[in-house]
């Protein structure tokens, strides 16, 4: 009853924070991934483009999560994982409450915060949904994984929820469930969005599963940053990679997985049943994904994670997000016209024949982070639990490494 009252009060007082956003998300069963562990992915599209990572001591569980930089106290979270190995994310849905005049609260971030504080399993989260007051004043898809191998997507409307189990081959024949900004149990039409992003992601996922390449690195580097369009068959990287550097080359940019509004992209790599839940890893690409870099963090490290991911008063943002948004201006340099800024991209700034594009420069550094991060995780799996001394040493290296990269390659001081 206490939780019901809290949610209802928040809905009344924070209803004006109804945030329209467009995300691409997925829940992936560990039965089908490269290492046998579940994955949770969110490519976040929102007006709140300044993002950071925060650590919290929760009501029952500690957790680490992606938060809006201006949300100083972390009242809402947008994807995260807790000390029980439970992780959650969401995407807005726009086709579940059609014709319903009840005003939406926009409190998905509050629900996820509550879930991370109190839930250890997908069953716990389902109970939380069951206990929400009706109408919920919510319209969203929630993806969750846990340390028992659970991997589910919940579609939540004002009056009910429907769950989809990624471990059930009747529901997810290839072990994954993707959502854009619509729900399968809603009405299909112009009110919702993300159909093309869904199809693009589905093509990429299917091919990855066929070749056993599905892991966090694949999702971040080859899905989050993919510039292939499943409807038009345009492939911006392939079509423009032959053009020399410093040759501004503009092309139409709409309905790719990364969008002008993409604020961050995060993959949570879960654990196998019986493993220490603290081995669950959040691979966080904070800031515009095409110009940012992935960094792993763990709940076990508490608040000692790299400072480039934390809020910095001098930037009023996290340093890595500040750097990514600075580089984003080179990718979208047009300042005139109502839609020109977000629909025309200078692809030459990202990739070129001289291998000096932003994506091309960042990739080798990011590969090093993945290599060292995966190696560290494997060591901890062999010993049974994460070693904080090793973790803090890795964090220190990442901080120095990322700052040096932005300085050397792009003359950006963070």
Protein backbone atom coordinates (compact mmCIF):
# COMPACT_ATOMS: atom_id res chain seq x y z
CA UNK A 1 0.00 0.00 0.00
CA UNK A 2 2.88 2.35 0.75
CA UNK A 3 4.27 1.95 -2.78
CA UNK A 4 0.82 2.52 -4.30
CA UNK A 5 0.44 5.79 -2.42
CA UNK A 6 3.91 6.96 -3.43
CA UNK A 7 3.28 6.30 -7.12
CA UNK A 8 -0.10 8.02 -7.02
CA UNK A 9 1.31 11.12 -5.31
CA UNK A 10 4.19 11.31 -7.78
CA UNK A 11 1.78 11.00 -10.68
CA UNK A 12 -0.20 13.98 -9.41
CA UNK A 13 2.74 16.25 -8.66
CA UNK A 14 5.04 15.29 -11.50
CA UNK A 15 2.55 14.76 -14.30
CA UNK A 16 3.94 17.76 -16.12
CA UNK A 17 7.16 15.80 -16.75
CA UNK A 18 5.44 13.73 -19.45
CA UNK A 19 8.37 13.09 -21.78
CA UNK A 20 7.82 12.18 -25.39
CA UNK A 21 10.73 10.05 -26.51
CA UNK A 22 11.64 7.52 -29.17
CA UNK A 23 13.86 4.61 -28.18
CA UNK A 24 14.92 1.32 -29.71
CA UNK A 25 15.22 -1.47 -27.14
CA UNK A 26 15.69 -5.23 -26.86
CA UNK A 27 15.66 -8.09 -24.36
CA UNK A 28 17.85 -11.05 -25.31
CA UNK A 29 17.78 -14.51 -23.77
CA UNK A 30 21.08 -15.93 -22.59
CA UNK A 31 20.22 -19.15 -24.44
CA UNK A 32 21.11 -17.43 -27.70
CA UNK A 33 23.97 -15.06 -26.85
CA UNK A 34 27.65 -15.61 -27.52
CA UNK A 35 28.52 -16.33 -23.87
CA UNK A 36 25.21 -17.71 -22.61
CA UNK A 37 24.26 -14.61 -20.59
CA UNK A 38 21.18 -12.41 -21.14
CA UNK A 39 21.48 -8.90 -22.55
CA UNK A 40 19.36 -5.79 -22.14
CA UNK A 41 19.75 -2.89 -24.59
CA UNK A 42 18.39 0.61 -24.82
CA UNK A 43 19.23 3.17 -27.48
CA UNK A 44 17.77 6.21 -25.76
CA UNK A 45 16.12 8.94 -27.84
CA UNK A 46 14.88 11.94 -25.90
CA UNK A 47 14.91 15.72 -25.63
CA UNK A 48 17.05 15.25 -22.47
CA UNK A 49 20.33 14.83 -24.37
CA UNK A 50 22.60 15.52 -21.36
CA UNK A 51 23.12 12.22 -19.52
CA UNK A 52 25.27 10.83 -16.69
CA UNK A 53 25.72 7.68 -14.62
CA UNK A 54 24.79 7.56 -10.93
CA UNK A 55 25.19 5.00 -8.13
CA UNK A 56 22.47 4.61 -5.49
CA UNK A 57 21.98 2.89 -2.14
CA UNK A 58 18.43 1.65 -2.64
CA UNK A 59 15.69 0.58 -0.26
CA UNK A 60 16.71 -3.10 -0.60
CA UNK A 61 19.38 -3.16 -3.30
CA UNK A 62 22.19 -0.92 -4.49
CA UNK A 63 22.09 -0.02 -8.17
CA UNK A 64 23.78 1.94 -10.93
CA UNK A 65 21.84 3.69 -13.66
CA UNK A 66 21.63 6.21 -16.50
CA UNK A 67 20.15 9.54 -15.37
CA UNK A 68 19.42 12.94 -16.92
CA UNK A 69 22.28 15.30 -16.02
CA UNK A 70 19.89 17.98 -14.78
CA UNK A 71 18.26 15.46 -12.44
CA UNK A 72 20.78 16.18 -9.66
CA UNK A 73 19.26 13.80 -7.11
CA UNK A 74 18.49 11.01 -9.59
CA UNK A 75 14.73 10.99 -9.07
CA UNK A 76 14.23 9.06 -12.33
CA UNK A 77 16.43 6.48 -14.04
CA UNK A 78 16.27 5.28 -17.64
CA UNK A 79 18.17 1.98 -17.60
CA UNK A 80 20.03 0.34 -14.76
CA UNK A 81 21.14 -2.80 -12.92
CA UNK A 82 21.12 -3.62 -9.21
CA UNK A 83 23.14 -5.72 -6.76
CA UNK A 84 20.75 -8.66 -7.20
CA UNK A 85 21.55 -8.81 -10.92
CA UNK A 86 18.13 -7.43 -11.86
CA UNK A 87 18.16 -4.90 -14.72
CA UNK A 88 15.45 -2.81 -16.34
CA UNK A 89 14.89 -0.35 -19.19
CA UNK A 90 11.93 1.05 -21.14
CA UNK A 91 10.71 2.53 -24.38
CA UNK A 92 7.73 4.83 -24.72
CA UNK A 93 4.73 3.32 -26.46
CA UNK A 94 2.14 5.39 -28.26
CA UNK A 95 -0.50 2.83 -29.26
CA UNK A 96 -1.73 1.21 -26.03
CA UNK A 97 -4.04 3.92 -24.67
CA UNK A 98 -5.57 5.17 -27.93
CA UNK A 99 -8.93 6.83 -27.33
CA UNK A 100 -8.29 7.03 -23.60
CA UNK A 101 -8.56 10.60 -22.33
CA UNK A 102 -6.69 9.92 -19.09
CA UNK A 103 -3.61 12.15 -18.90
CA UNK A 104 -0.32 10.26 -18.87
CA UNK A 105 2.10 10.85 -15.98
CA UNK A 106 5.41 10.25 -17.80
CA UNK A 107 6.71 8.52 -14.67
CA UNK A 108 8.34 5.49 -16.29
CA UNK A 109 11.68 6.64 -14.85
CA UNK A 110 10.23 6.60 -11.33
CA UNK A 111 8.82 3.11 -11.79
CA UNK A 112 12.22 1.86 -12.96
CA UNK A 113 13.93 3.47 -9.98
CA UNK A 114 11.48 1.75 -7.64
CA UNK A 115 12.04 -1.56 -9.43
CA UNK A 116 15.82 -1.33 -9.09
CA UNK A 117 15.49 -0.57 -5.39
CA UNK A 118 13.11 -3.43 -4.59
CA UNK A 119 13.15 -6.14 -7.29
CA UNK A 120 15.49 -9.12 -7.59
CA UNK A 121 13.65 -11.07 -10.28
CA UNK A 122 11.32 -10.59 -13.22
CA UNK A 123 8.60 -12.07 -11.00
CA UNK A 124 9.18 -9.30 -8.45
CA UNK A 125 8.74 -6.73 -11.19
CA UNK A 126 5.53 -8.37 -12.37
CA UNK A 127 4.17 -8.10 -8.80
CA UNK A 128 5.12 -4.42 -8.79
CA UNK A 129 3.07 -3.93 -11.98
CA UNK A 130 0.16 -5.85 -10.52
CA UNK A 131 0.11 -3.54 -7.49
CA UNK A 132 0.13 -0.28 -9.43
CA UNK A 133 -3.07 1.74 -8.97
CA UNK A 134 -5.36 1.72 -12.00
CA UNK A 135 -5.36 3.61 -14.23
CA UNK A 136 -1.57 3.52 -14.21
CA UNK A 137 -1.33 6.68 -16.33
CA UNK A 138 1.51 4.92 -18.12
CA UNK A 139 2.03 3.65 -21.67
CA UNK A 140 5.34 1.86 -22.11
CA UNK A 141 7.34 -1.24 -22.89
CA UNK A 142 9.55 -2.41 -20.00
CA UNK A 143 12.39 -4.88 -20.59
CA UNK A 144 13.87 -6.78 -17.65
CA UNK A 145 16.50 -9.48 -17.01
CA UNK A 146 17.59 -11.14 -13.78
CA UNK A 147 20.30 -13.38 -12.33
CA UNK A 148 18.11 -16.49 -12.76
CA UNK A 149 18.11 -16.25 -16.55
CA UNK A 150 14.82 -14.33 -16.73
CA UNK A 151 14.40 -12.11 -19.79
CA UNK A 152 11.03 -10.50 -20.43
CA UNK A 153 9.30 -7.58 -22.08
CA UNK A 154 6.18 -6.11 -20.47
CA UNK A 155 3.74 -3.90 -22.37
CA UNK A 156 1.95 -1.68 -19.84
CA UNK A 157 -1.18 0.39 -20.49
CA UNK A 158 -3.58 2.26 -18.20
CA UNK A 159 -5.45 -0.88 -17.27
CA UNK A 160 -3.30 -3.95 -17.84
CA UNK A 161 0.02 -5.42 -18.85
CA UNK A 162 1.00 -8.22 -21.21
CA UNK A 163 4.31 -10.06 -20.87
CA UNK A 164 6.54 -11.58 -23.55
CA UNK A 165 9.14 -14.17 -22.52
CA UNK A 166 12.40 -14.12 -24.51
CA UNK A 167 13.12 -17.65 -23.23
CA UNK A 168 9.94 -19.01 -24.84
CA UNK A 169 10.58 -20.07 -28.47
CA UNK A 170 6.87 -19.68 -29.20
CA UNK A 171 7.19 -15.98 -28.36
CA UNK A 172 10.81 -15.34 -29.38
CA UNK A 173 11.98 -18.01 -31.87
CA UNK A 174 15.49 -16.56 -31.96
CA UNK A 175 15.67 -15.53 -28.31
CA UNK A 176 15.20 -11.80 -28.63
CA UNK A 177 12.35 -9.30 -28.28
CA UNK A 178 12.71 -5.88 -29.92
CA UNK A 179 10.51 -2.84 -29.46
CA UNK A 180 10.44 0.62 -30.96
CA UNK A 181 7.78 3.09 -29.87
CA UNK A 182 4.79 0.87 -30.19
CA UNK A 183 3.50 -2.28 -28.53
CA UNK A 184 2.43 -5.49 -30.20
CA UNK A 185 -0.78 -5.59 -28.15
CA UNK A 186 -1.73 -2.06 -29.22
CA UNK A 187 -3.31 -0.69 -32.39
CA UNK A 188 -0.96 -0.32 -35.34
CA UNK A 189 -1.06 3.00 -37.16
CA UNK A 190 0.34 6.52 -37.50
CA UNK A 191 0.12 7.24 -33.76
CA UNK A 192 3.12 5.04 -32.99
CA UNK A 193 6.66 5.04 -34.37
CA UNK A 194 9.80 2.97 -34.75
CA UNK A 195 8.63 0.38 -37.29
CA UNK A 196 11.62 0.93 -39.57
CA UNK A 197 14.04 0.94 -36.63
CA UNK A 198 12.47 -2.32 -35.49
CA UNK A 199 13.00 -3.93 -38.91
CA UNK A 200 16.59 -2.70 -39.14
CA UNK A 201 17.42 -4.05 -35.69
CA UNK A 202 15.68 -7.33 -36.45
CA UNK A 203 17.79 -7.83 -39.60
CA UNK A 204 21.01 -7.09 -37.73
CA UNK A 205 20.08 -9.32 -34.78
CA UNK A 206 19.05 -12.22 -37.00
CA UNK A 207 22.38 -12.15 -38.84
CA UNK A 208 24.31 -11.91 -35.57
CA UNK A 209 22.54 -14.91 -34.10
CA UNK A 210 23.16 -16.89 -37.28
CA UNK A 211 26.91 -16.33 -36.88
CA UNK A 212 27.00 -16.46 -33.04
CA UNK A 213 28.17 -12.84 -32.79
CA UNK A 214 25.58 -11.55 -30.31
CA UNK A 215 27.29 -9.75 -27.45
CA UNK A 216 27.48 -6.27 -25.92
CA UNK A 217 30.22 -5.10 -28.27
CA UNK A 218 28.24 -6.12 -31.37
CA UNK A 219 25.14 -4.26 -30.18
CA UNK A 220 27.02 -1.06 -29.36
CA UNK A 221 29.29 -0.94 -32.39
CA UNK A 222 27.18 -2.60 -35.08
CA UNK A 223 23.59 -1.82 -34.10
CA UNK A 224 23.59 1.34 -32.00
CA UNK A 225 25.83 3.05 -34.57
CA UNK A 226 24.50 1.30 -37.67
CA UNK A 227 23.65 3.63 -40.58
CA UNK A 228 21.85 1.04 -42.68
CA UNK A 229 18.18 1.76 -43.45
CA UNK A 230 16.01 -1.35 -43.80
CA UNK A 231 13.32 0.39 -45.88
CA UNK A 232 15.39 2.33 -48.41
CA UNK A 233 18.38 -0.09 -48.28
CA UNK A 234 20.68 2.92 -47.97
CA UNK A 235 23.95 2.20 -46.14
CA UNK A 236 25.58 5.53 -45.34
CA UNK A 237 28.91 4.11 -44.19
CA UNK A 238 29.33 1.96 -47.26
CA UNK A 239 27.93 4.54 -49.71
CA UNK A 240 30.18 7.41 -48.59
CA UNK A 241 33.34 5.79 -47.20
CA UNK A 242 35.31 6.52 -50.41
CA UNK A 243 35.08 10.33 -50.07
CA UNK A 244 38.28 12.10 -48.88
CA UNK A 245 38.40 13.78 -45.48
CA UNK A 246 37.35 17.44 -45.08
CA UNK A 247 34.80 17.10 -47.86
CA UNK A 248 31.47 18.03 -46.27
CA UNK A 249 28.96 15.54 -47.63
CA UNK A 250 25.33 15.87 -46.63
CA UNK A 251 22.64 13.24 -46.87
CA UNK A 252 19.10 12.67 -45.58
CA UNK A 253 19.12 11.25 -42.05
CA UNK A 254 15.87 9.84 -40.70
CA UNK A 255 14.64 6.55 -39.18
CA UNK A 256 18.05 4.98 -38.69
CA UNK A 257 18.63 3.24 -35.34
CA UNK A 258 20.75 6.20 -34.13
CA UNK A 259 18.82 9.46 -34.53
CA UNK A 260 19.51 13.14 -34.00
CA UNK A 261 17.73 12.76 -30.64
CA UNK A 262 19.80 9.77 -29.49
CA UNK A 263 21.12 10.71 -26.06
CA UNK A 264 22.89 7.54 -24.92
CA UNK A 265 23.04 3.82 -25.57
CA UNK A 266 23.49 1.19 -22.87
CA UNK A 267 23.83 -2.59 -22.91
CA UNK A 268 23.56 -4.55 -19.67
CA UNK A 269 25.32 -7.90 -19.78
CA UNK A 270 23.70 -10.19 -17.22
CA UNK A 271 24.97 -13.31 -15.47
CA UNK A 272 24.34 -17.04 -15.72
CA UNK A 273 22.26 -18.69 -13.02
CA UNK A 274 24.52 -19.42 -10.05
CA UNK A 275 27.05 -16.69 -10.81
CA UNK A 276 27.62 -13.74 -8.51
CA UNK A 277 24.99 -11.11 -9.53
CA UNK A 278 27.63 -8.42 -9.00
CA UNK A 279 29.32 -9.64 -12.19
CA UNK A 280 26.48 -8.06 -14.21
CA UNK A 281 28.04 -5.32 -16.34
CA UNK A 282 26.62 -2.07 -17.65
CA UNK A 283 28.32 -1.02 -20.89
CA UNK A 284 27.43 2.67 -21.02
CA UNK A 285 27.80 4.85 -24.11
CA UNK A 286 26.86 8.15 -22.49
CA UNK A 287 26.08 11.00 -24.85
CA UNK A 288 25.32 10.99 -28.59
CA UNK A 289 26.25 7.38 -29.50
CA UNK A 290 27.90 8.19 -32.85
CA UNK A 291 30.45 10.43 -31.13
CA UNK A 292 30.79 8.83 -27.68
CA UNK A 293 32.63 5.80 -26.32
CA UNK A 294 31.46 2.71 -24.37
CA UNK A 295 32.65 2.31 -20.76
CA UNK A 296 31.78 -0.59 -18.42
CA UNK A 297 30.62 -0.07 -14.83
CA UNK A 298 29.62 -2.45 -12.03
CA UNK A 299 27.40 -2.06 -8.97
CA UNK A 300 30.15 -3.64 -6.83
CA UNK A 301 32.35 -0.60 -7.41
CA UNK A 302 29.87 1.73 -5.77
CA UNK A 303 30.46 5.40 -6.52
CA UNK A 304 34.09 4.83 -7.56
CA UNK A 305 33.31 4.49 -11.28
CA UNK A 306 35.11 6.71 -13.85
CA UNK A 307 34.59 10.43 -13.26
CA UNK A 308 34.10 11.03 -16.99
CA UNK A 309 30.65 9.45 -16.50
CA UNK A 310 29.72 11.52 -13.43
CA UNK A 311 28.07 14.92 -13.29
CA UNK A 312 30.65 17.72 -13.52
CA UNK A 313 29.54 21.20 -12.47
CA UNK A 314 31.94 22.88 -14.89
CA UNK A 315 30.11 21.27 -17.83
CA UNK A 316 26.70 20.93 -16.14
CA UNK A 317 26.92 17.47 -17.63
CA UNK A 318 29.11 14.38 -17.51
CA UNK A 319 32.45 15.07 -19.24
CA UNK A 320 32.07 12.26 -21.78
CA UNK A 321 28.57 13.47 -22.71
CA UNK A 322 29.92 17.02 -23.07
CA UNK A 323 32.64 15.77 -25.42
CA UNK A 324 30.17 13.72 -27.46
CA UNK A 325 27.79 16.67 -27.86
CA UNK A 326 30.69 18.91 -28.87
CA UNK A 327 31.58 16.47 -31.65
CA UNK A 328 27.92 16.11 -32.60
CA UNK A 329 28.00 19.71 -33.86
CA UNK A 330 30.43 18.59 -36.59
CA UNK A 331 28.02 15.86 -37.62
CA UNK A 332 24.98 18.16 -37.73
CA UNK A 333 26.44 21.59 -38.60
CA UNK A 334 23.41 23.10 -40.39
CA UNK A 335 21.75 25.77 -38.27
CA UNK A 336 19.07 27.07 -40.65
CA UNK A 337 15.67 25.58 -41.36
CA UNK A 338 13.07 23.91 -39.16
CA UNK A 339 14.15 20.34 -39.92
CA UNK A 340 17.55 20.73 -41.57
CA UNK A 341 19.49 20.47 -38.29
CA UNK A 342 18.30 16.96 -37.46
CA UNK A 343 17.50 15.50 -40.89
CA UNK A 344 20.74 16.31 -42.77
CA UNK A 345 23.95 14.69 -41.60
CA UNK A 346 27.52 15.43 -42.66
CA UNK A 347 28.51 11.78 -43.10
CA UNK A 348 32.07 12.80 -43.98
CA UNK A 349 32.59 13.88 -40.36
CA UNK A 350 31.92 10.32 -39.21
CA UNK A 351 33.68 8.26 -41.88
CA UNK A 352 35.95 9.00 -44.84
CA UNK A 353 38.58 7.49 -47.13
CA UNK A 354 41.42 8.75 -44.93
CA UNK A 355 40.12 6.90 -41.88
CA UNK A 356 39.96 10.15 -39.88
CA UNK A 357 36.19 10.28 -39.26
CA UNK A 358 34.93 10.54 -35.68
CA UNK A 359 33.67 6.94 -35.59
CA UNK A 360 36.90 5.72 -37.19
CA UNK A 361 39.06 7.50 -34.59
CA UNK A 362 37.06 6.35 -31.59
CA UNK A 363 36.70 2.68 -32.60
CA UNK A 364 40.33 1.56 -31.84
CA UNK A 365 40.21 3.14 -28.38
CA UNK A 366 36.85 1.57 -27.67
CA UNK A 367 38.12 -1.81 -28.85
CA UNK A 368 40.84 -1.56 -26.20
CA UNK A 369 38.27 -0.86 -23.51
CA UNK A 370 36.19 -3.84 -24.60
CA UNK A 371 39.26 -6.09 -24.70
CA UNK A 372 40.45 -5.11 -21.24
CA UNK A 373 36.92 -5.11 -19.82
CA UNK A 374 36.02 -8.56 -21.15
CA UNK A 375 39.35 -9.92 -19.88
CA UNK A 376 38.71 -8.54 -16.41
CA UNK A 377 35.19 -9.96 -16.29
CA UNK A 378 36.48 -13.38 -17.33
CA UNK A 379 39.05 -13.31 -14.52
CA UNK A 380 36.31 -12.51 -12.01
CA UNK A 381 34.11 -15.32 -13.32
CA UNK A 382 36.97 -17.73 -12.73
CA UNK A 383 37.49 -16.51 -9.16
CA UNK A 384 33.75 -16.22 -8.49
CA UNK A 385 33.37 -12.52 -7.72
CA UNK A 386 34.64 -9.09 -8.78
CA UNK A 387 37.92 -7.85 -7.31
CA UNK A 388 37.45 -4.24 -6.22
CA UNK A 389 41.17 -3.45 -6.30
CA UNK A 390 41.36 -4.58 -9.94
CA UNK A 391 38.12 -2.75 -10.69
CA UNK A 392 39.35 0.55 -9.27
CA UNK A 393 42.61 0.20 -11.16
CA UNK A 394 40.68 -0.39 -14.38
CA UNK A 395 38.44 2.61 -13.67
CA UNK A 396 41.50 4.82 -13.14
CA UNK A 397 42.97 3.64 -16.43
CA UNK A 398 39.70 4.26 -18.30
CA UNK A 399 39.41 7.78 -16.90
CA UNK A 400 42.91 8.70 -18.06
CA UNK A 401 42.55 6.85 -21.36
CA UNK A 402 39.25 8.46 -22.39
CA UNK A 403 40.34 11.97 -21.44
CA UNK A 404 43.58 11.52 -23.39
CA UNK A 405 41.69 10.20 -26.41
CA UNK A 406 39.36 13.21 -26.67
CA UNK A 407 42.34 15.55 -26.19
CA UNK A 408 44.65 13.87 -28.70
CA UNK A 409 42.13 13.07 -31.42
CA UNK A 410 39.70 16.00 -31.13
CA UNK A 411 41.42 18.69 -28.99
CA UNK A 412 38.62 18.48 -26.42
CA UNK A 413 39.61 18.92 -22.78
CA UNK A 414 37.43 17.04 -20.32
